[in-house]
Protein backbone atom coordinates (compact mmCIF):
# COMPACT_ATOMS: atom_id res chain seq x y z
CA MET A 1 0.00 0.00 0.00
CA LYS A 2 1.21 3.48 -0.86
CA SER A 3 0.90 6.81 0.91
CA VAL A 4 -0.40 9.15 -1.79
CA ALA A 5 -0.73 12.92 -2.11
CA VAL A 6 -2.81 14.55 -4.83
CA VAL A 7 -1.57 18.08 -5.54
CA GLY A 8 -3.99 20.44 -7.26
CA ALA A 9 -6.88 18.40 -5.88
CA SER A 10 -9.47 21.14 -6.49
CA GLY A 11 -8.68 21.53 -10.21
CA ALA A 12 -10.29 19.85 -13.22
CA VAL A 13 -7.48 17.31 -13.65
CA GLY A 14 -7.00 16.81 -9.90
CA ASP A 15 -10.66 15.91 -9.55
CA VAL A 16 -10.34 13.24 -12.25
CA MET A 17 -7.09 11.93 -10.73
CA ILE A 18 -8.98 11.28 -7.51
CA ARG A 19 -11.67 9.38 -9.41
CA MET A 20 -9.09 7.39 -11.35
CA LEU A 21 -7.35 6.21 -8.18
CA GLN A 22 -10.70 4.81 -7.06
CA GLU A 23 -11.88 3.43 -10.41
CA ARG A 24 -8.59 1.65 -11.09
CA LYS A 25 -8.38 0.42 -7.48
CA PHE A 26 -4.90 1.79 -6.93
CA PRO A 27 -3.55 0.37 -3.63
CA VAL A 28 -3.78 3.49 -1.47
CA GLY A 29 -2.78 3.25 2.17
CA ALA A 30 -2.93 6.82 3.42
CA ILE A 31 -3.97 9.73 1.22
CA LYS A 32 -3.97 13.52 1.43
CA PHE A 33 -5.19 16.27 -0.85
CA LEU A 34 -3.21 19.46 -1.37
CA ALA A 35 -3.96 22.72 -3.15
CA SER A 36 -3.43 26.46 -2.96
CA GLU A 37 -4.54 28.51 0.03
CA ARG A 38 -7.81 29.53 -1.65
CA SER A 39 -8.91 25.88 -1.81
CA THR A 40 -7.78 24.97 1.71
CA GLY A 41 -10.58 23.50 3.78
CA LYS A 42 -12.73 22.42 0.85
CA SER A 43 -14.02 18.88 1.14
CA VAL A 44 -12.98 15.91 -1.02
CA THR A 45 -14.63 12.48 -0.91
CA PHE A 46 -12.42 9.45 -1.43
CA ALA A 47 -13.48 5.81 -0.91
CA GLY A 48 -16.56 6.95 0.97
CA GLU A 49 -14.60 9.14 3.39
CA SER A 50 -14.49 12.93 3.53
CA PHE A 51 -11.14 14.74 3.55
CA SER A 52 -10.28 18.41 3.88
CA ILE A 53 -7.91 19.89 1.32
CA GLU A 54 -4.66 20.91 3.00
CA PRO A 55 -2.43 23.82 1.99
CA LEU A 56 0.52 23.04 -0.25
CA SER A 57 3.73 23.37 1.75
CA PRO A 58 7.18 21.72 1.91
CA ARG A 59 6.25 19.76 5.04
CA ALA A 60 3.12 18.33 3.39
CA PHE A 61 5.20 15.63 1.65
CA GLU A 62 6.64 14.02 4.77
CA GLY A 63 5.92 10.28 4.73
CA VAL A 64 4.42 10.38 1.22
CA ASP A 65 5.45 7.67 -1.29
CA LEU A 66 3.65 8.91 -4.41
CA VAL A 67 2.62 12.38 -5.53
CA LEU A 68 0.16 12.95 -8.37
CA SER A 69 0.54 16.62 -9.20
CA SER A 70 -1.46 18.89 -11.51
CA THR A 71 -0.52 22.51 -10.96
CA PRO A 72 0.81 25.37 -13.07
CA ALA A 73 4.42 24.84 -14.16
CA SER A 74 5.67 27.59 -11.83
CA VAL A 75 4.22 25.76 -8.82
CA SER A 76 5.56 22.41 -10.00
CA LYS A 77 9.06 23.80 -10.41
CA GLN A 78 8.98 24.82 -6.77
CA TYR A 79 7.28 21.87 -5.10
CA SER A 80 7.94 18.74 -7.19
CA PRO A 81 11.68 18.74 -6.37
CA ILE A 82 10.82 19.26 -2.69
CA ALA A 83 8.53 16.23 -2.76
CA ALA A 84 11.19 14.16 -4.53
CA ARG A 85 13.83 15.13 -1.95
CA ALA A 86 11.38 14.07 0.78
CA GLY A 87 11.41 10.56 -0.69
CA ALA A 88 8.30 10.59 -2.88
CA VAL A 89 8.07 9.80 -6.58
CA VAL A 90 6.24 12.64 -8.32
CA VAL A 91 4.11 12.16 -11.43
CA ASP A 92 4.00 15.75 -12.65
CA ASN A 93 1.25 16.82 -15.05
CA SER A 94 2.68 20.27 -15.79
CA SER A 95 5.09 21.26 -18.55
CA ALA A 96 7.83 22.08 -16.03
CA PHE A 97 9.98 18.96 -16.44
CA ARG A 98 8.82 17.34 -19.68
CA MET A 99 11.91 18.24 -21.69
CA ASP A 100 14.39 17.83 -18.84
CA PRO A 101 16.83 15.14 -20.03
CA ASP A 102 16.93 13.66 -16.52
CA VAL A 103 13.14 13.31 -16.27
CA PRO A 104 11.30 10.50 -18.10
CA LEU A 105 8.30 11.57 -20.19
CA VAL A 106 5.98 8.58 -20.23
CA VAL A 107 2.92 7.21 -21.98
CA PRO A 108 2.62 3.63 -20.68
CA GLU A 109 1.33 2.22 -23.99
CA VAL A 110 4.39 3.65 -25.73
CA ASN A 111 7.45 3.78 -23.45
CA PRO A 112 6.68 2.15 -20.07
CA HIS A 113 10.33 1.10 -19.70
CA ASP A 114 11.31 4.76 -19.23
CA VAL A 115 9.60 4.81 -15.82
CA ALA A 116 12.58 2.94 -14.39
CA LYS A 117 14.89 5.83 -15.30
CA HIS A 118 13.29 8.29 -12.88
CA LYS A 119 15.23 10.23 -10.29
CA GLY A 120 12.20 11.20 -8.24
CA ILE A 121 10.10 12.93 -10.94
CA ILE A 122 8.25 11.49 -13.93
CA ALA A 123 6.60 13.89 -16.36
CA ASN A 124 3.09 13.36 -17.70
CA PRO A 125 2.96 14.58 -21.32
CA ASN A 126 0.71 17.17 -22.89
CA CYS A 127 -2.84 15.96 -23.51
CA SER A 128 -2.77 16.38 -27.28
CA THR A 129 0.57 14.58 -27.49
CA ILE A 130 -0.56 11.59 -25.41
CA GLN A 131 -3.42 10.53 -27.65
CA MET A 132 -1.39 11.06 -30.81
CA VAL A 133 1.58 8.93 -29.74
CA VAL A 134 -0.73 6.10 -28.62
CA ALA A 135 -2.00 6.04 -32.21
CA LEU A 136 1.44 6.52 -33.79
CA LYS A 137 3.34 3.88 -31.81
CA PRO A 138 1.93 0.79 -33.61
CA LEU A 139 2.46 2.49 -36.99
CA HIS A 140 6.01 3.47 -36.07
CA ASP A 141 6.85 -0.06 -34.99
CA ALA A 142 5.48 -1.56 -38.21
CA PHE A 143 6.21 1.10 -40.84
CA ARG A 144 8.61 3.66 -39.34
CA VAL A 145 6.89 7.05 -39.10
CA ARG A 146 8.86 9.86 -40.70
CA ARG A 147 6.43 12.80 -40.83
CA VAL A 148 3.23 13.77 -39.05
CA VAL A 149 0.96 16.66 -40.02
CA VAL A 150 -1.62 17.20 -37.28
CA SER A 151 -4.42 19.70 -36.71
CA THR A 152 -6.05 19.57 -33.29
CA TYR A 153 -9.59 20.41 -32.24
CA GLN A 154 -9.12 20.85 -28.50
CA SER A 155 -11.94 21.11 -25.98
CA VAL A 156 -12.23 23.95 -23.49
CA SER A 157 -11.68 21.63 -20.51
CA GLY A 158 -8.03 21.61 -21.60
CA ALA A 159 -7.97 25.12 -20.11
CA GLY A 160 -9.36 23.89 -16.79
CA GLN A 161 -12.46 24.94 -14.89
CA LYS A 162 -12.13 28.52 -16.15
CA GLY A 163 -12.21 27.32 -19.75
CA LEU A 164 -15.38 25.33 -19.13
CA TYR A 165 -17.01 28.26 -17.36
CA GLU A 166 -16.15 30.69 -20.16
CA LEU A 167 -17.81 28.55 -22.83
CA GLN A 168 -20.86 27.90 -20.67
CA MET A 169 -21.40 31.57 -19.79
CA GLN A 170 -20.90 32.79 -23.38
CA THR A 171 -23.29 30.15 -24.67
CA LEU A 172 -25.90 31.04 -22.04
CA ALA A 173 -25.64 34.71 -22.98
CA TYR A 174 -26.09 33.87 -26.66
CA VAL A 175 -29.19 31.70 -26.25
CA THR A 176 -30.85 34.14 -23.81
CA GLY A 177 -30.07 37.21 -25.91
CA GLN A 178 -27.83 38.78 -23.26
CA PRO A 179 -24.52 40.58 -23.86
CA SER A 180 -21.69 38.05 -24.04
CA PRO A 181 -19.07 38.15 -21.25
CA GLU A 182 -15.66 39.30 -22.44
CA PRO A 183 -13.17 36.49 -23.00
CA VAL A 184 -10.70 35.99 -20.17
CA LYS A 185 -9.24 32.52 -20.56
CA PHE A 186 -9.14 32.58 -24.36
CA ALA A 187 -7.90 35.25 -26.77
CA HIS A 188 -11.35 35.51 -28.41
CA PRO A 189 -14.92 34.41 -27.67
CA ILE A 190 -15.05 30.61 -27.79
CA ALA A 191 -18.81 30.01 -28.01
CA PHE A 192 -19.80 29.20 -31.61
CA ASN A 193 -16.23 29.93 -32.66
CA CYS A 194 -12.83 28.32 -33.26
CA VAL A 195 -9.63 29.93 -32.01
CA PRO A 196 -6.40 28.85 -33.77
CA GLN A 197 -4.26 29.66 -30.75
CA ILE A 198 -3.50 27.57 -27.67
CA ASP A 199 -0.94 29.13 -25.31
CA GLU A 200 1.43 31.93 -26.35
CA PHE A 201 3.00 32.47 -29.75
CA LEU A 202 6.73 31.95 -30.15
CA ALA A 203 9.20 33.71 -32.43
CA ASN A 204 8.93 30.93 -35.04
CA GLY A 205 5.19 31.55 -35.50
CA TYR A 206 4.13 28.41 -33.65
CA THR A 207 2.45 28.40 -30.26
CA LYS A 208 3.89 26.78 -27.15
CA GLU A 209 1.20 24.08 -27.40
CA GLU A 210 2.28 23.25 -30.94
CA MET A 211 5.95 23.02 -30.02
CA LYS A 212 5.05 20.75 -27.10
CA MET A 213 3.62 18.31 -29.63
CA VAL A 214 6.80 18.49 -31.71
CA ASN A 215 9.31 18.03 -28.90
CA GLU A 216 7.34 15.66 -26.67
CA THR A 217 6.49 13.29 -29.53
CA ARG A 218 10.16 12.87 -30.39
CA LYS A 219 11.15 12.29 -26.77
CA ILE A 220 8.38 9.76 -26.03
CA MET A 221 8.87 7.86 -29.29
CA GLY A 222 12.66 7.95 -28.86
CA ASP A 223 13.20 9.24 -32.39
CA ASP A 224 14.36 12.80 -33.06
CA ALA A 225 14.01 12.23 -36.81
CA ILE A 226 10.19 12.27 -36.69
CA ASP A 227 8.99 15.47 -38.34
CA VAL A 228 5.88 16.86 -36.59
CA CYS A 229 3.93 19.73 -38.17
CA PRO A 230 1.14 20.86 -35.81
CA THR A 231 -1.68 23.41 -35.79
CA CYS A 232 -3.55 23.58 -32.47
CA VAL A 233 -7.10 24.95 -32.37
CA ARG A 234 -9.49 25.52 -29.46
CA VAL A 235 -13.08 24.57 -30.28
CA PRO A 236 -16.39 24.98 -28.38
CA VAL A 237 -16.52 21.40 -27.10
CA LEU A 238 -16.60 20.65 -23.36
CA TYR A 239 -14.60 17.41 -23.18
CA SER A 240 -12.29 15.35 -25.44
CA HIS A 241 -9.70 16.49 -27.95
CA SER A 242 -9.90 15.54 -31.62
CA GLU A 243 -7.03 15.43 -34.09
CA SER A 244 -6.82 15.17 -37.87
CA ILE A 245 -3.56 13.38 -38.62
CA LEU A 246 -1.62 12.70 -41.79
CA VAL A 247 1.24 10.28 -41.24
CA GLU A 248 4.03 9.52 -43.69
CA THR A 249 6.08 6.34 -43.31
CA GLU A 250 9.35 5.08 -44.78
CA GLY A 251 7.61 2.53 -46.96
CA PRO A 252 4.10 1.93 -48.30
CA ILE A 253 1.23 1.83 -45.82
CA THR A 254 -2.42 1.00 -46.41
CA PRO A 255 -5.57 1.47 -44.32
CA GLU A 256 -5.85 -2.33 -44.02
CA ALA A 257 -2.29 -2.63 -42.73
CA ALA A 258 -2.84 0.23 -40.27
CA ARG A 259 -6.02 -1.39 -38.94
CA GLU A 260 -4.13 -4.63 -38.44
CA ALA A 261 -1.37 -2.84 -36.49
CA TRP A 262 -3.93 -0.98 -34.38
CA SER A 263 -5.93 -4.15 -33.67
CA HIS A 264 -3.17 -5.33 -31.31
CA ALA A 265 -2.45 -1.92 -29.73
CA PRO A 266 -3.21 -1.47 -26.01
CA GLY A 267 -5.54 1.38 -25.10
CA LEU A 268 -6.63 2.00 -28.69
CA VAL A 269 -10.02 1.35 -30.35
CA VAL A 270 -10.76 1.54 -34.08
CA VAL A 271 -14.17 3.04 -34.92
CA ASP A 272 -14.24 3.14 -38.71
CA ASP A 273 -17.39 2.35 -40.70
CA PRO A 274 -18.06 5.31 -43.04
CA GLN A 275 -21.13 3.70 -44.61
CA ALA A 276 -22.79 3.58 -41.21
CA CYS A 277 -21.44 7.03 -40.26
CA GLN A 278 -19.36 5.40 -37.53
CA TYR A 279 -16.24 7.31 -36.52
CA PRO A 280 -14.82 8.69 -33.26
CA LEU A 281 -16.70 11.60 -31.71
CA PRO A 282 -15.63 13.77 -28.76
CA ALA A 283 -19.03 13.28 -27.13
CA SER A 284 -18.66 9.49 -27.35
CA ALA A 285 -15.07 9.52 -26.08
CA ALA A 286 -15.86 11.65 -23.02
CA ASP A 287 -15.41 9.79 -19.73
CA ARG A 288 -13.57 6.96 -21.49
CA ASP A 289 -9.89 6.00 -21.14
CA GLU A 290 -9.22 4.73 -24.66
CA VAL A 291 -7.83 6.51 -27.69
CA PHE A 292 -10.19 6.17 -30.66
CA VAL A 293 -9.18 6.26 -34.34
CA GLY A 294 -11.27 6.29 -37.50
CA ARG A 295 -11.78 7.96 -40.90
CA ILE A 296 -8.77 5.89 -42.01
CA ARG A 297 -7.90 6.53 -45.65
CA GLN A 298 -5.03 6.52 -48.09
CA ASP A 299 -3.38 9.72 -49.21
CA LEU A 300 -4.64 10.35 -52.74
CA ASN A 301 -1.17 10.74 -54.20
CA ARG A 302 1.33 8.92 -52.00
CA PRO A 303 1.42 5.21 -51.12
CA ASN A 304 3.46 5.91 -47.97
CA ALA A 305 0.94 8.34 -46.45
CA LEU A 306 -2.24 7.77 -44.51
CA LEU A 307 -4.87 10.04 -42.97
CA PHE A 308 -6.97 9.35 -39.88
CA TRP A 309 -9.05 10.98 -37.15
CA CYS A 310 -8.09 10.54 -33.48
CA VAL A 311 -10.19 11.35 -30.39
CA SER A 312 -9.65 10.94 -26.64
CA ASP A 313 -10.87 12.38 -23.34
CA ASN A 314 -8.25 15.00 -22.49
CA LEU A 315 -8.91 14.94 -18.74
CA ARG A 316 -8.71 11.16 -18.50
CA LYS A 317 -6.23 9.57 -20.91
CA GLY A 318 -4.85 13.01 -21.75
CA ALA A 319 -3.99 13.70 -18.10
CA ALA A 320 -5.35 11.87 -15.04
CA THR A 321 -5.61 8.31 -16.35
CA ASN A 322 -2.15 8.46 -17.89
CA ALA A 323 -0.76 9.71 -14.55
CA VAL A 324 -2.32 6.83 -12.61
CA GLN A 325 -1.12 4.38 -15.26
CA ILE A 326 2.41 5.70 -14.68
CA ALA A 327 1.91 5.09 -10.95
CA GLU A 328 0.84 1.54 -11.77
CA GLU A 329 4.06 1.05 -13.74
CA LEU A 330 5.95 2.21 -10.65
CA LEU A 331 4.20 -0.51 -8.64
CA LYS A 332 5.50 -3.13 -11.06
CA LEU A 333 9.05 -1.98 -10.24
CA ASP A 334 8.40 -2.27 -6.50
CA PRO A 335 5.67 -4.88 -5.93
CA VAL A 336 6.88 -5.56 -2.39
CA GLY A 337 6.55 -1.88 -1.51
CA ALA A 338 2.99 -1.94 -2.81
């Protein structure tokens, strides 16, 4: 049994992490819930018992074996190393340590072996990256992926509770004929709109979110030669991210061969019957842990290129579920300690 701390327990991802620990029956001995001062004292229910959220502080990690953390990167940079020095292993959901060469960046369906390389911190990848690499891994193993062109359609829950609230309030204003609240979380109104910007723009014209997909994909897949060309878009959907992906491989690839590779892939489900209008939908993927692929078709001009549609719940597989799966991989390394 493990002593567990959930950091950021009052947030959108923290809430799902708590549910995932229960749903997946993670062997929790003692547990505590930590968050910022403004959330201190709020109640959390776990395994039928009520807990008060405690303030995040250096002493809060004493006696803790495992930390599941979902906080802004600035908070993670401060507290995750403190927790690691206190003897805990931290699964960090922020961007703070993802590209640190000493910190494994793990998607258990893709590179579970990297968990063993940790030095106290394991990074949980970006939500849009996680679902894409789950779909790419079987293709890379069979056909060697060389180039990926991806456009994302990312739900507002990727921006946390404030993102959800902004869409809901703008939509309510629209349908009741009231003035729309000014956007706060997003650069433009999100209701009935699409915003081709997630995070800040960089000097190269890409956003931080887009460059996360580039760099994290290469690190997780263990191949710096993979060319990733992303465009990240926020859409007025509550839960689940969708991605339109074109993948180019070293040799020829067909939809039939891709389906065969995916049929053996853990955590991945093919939903692909165009005649019956069956394909992955964000509404259908919500509250599920799998990555769904469909709309599988050959590039019209190139035998080594394939297009497909990829959908997954960004709060579950894209964040909380992946974090708990990493913790489960840690248990395999130390079954006696479990």
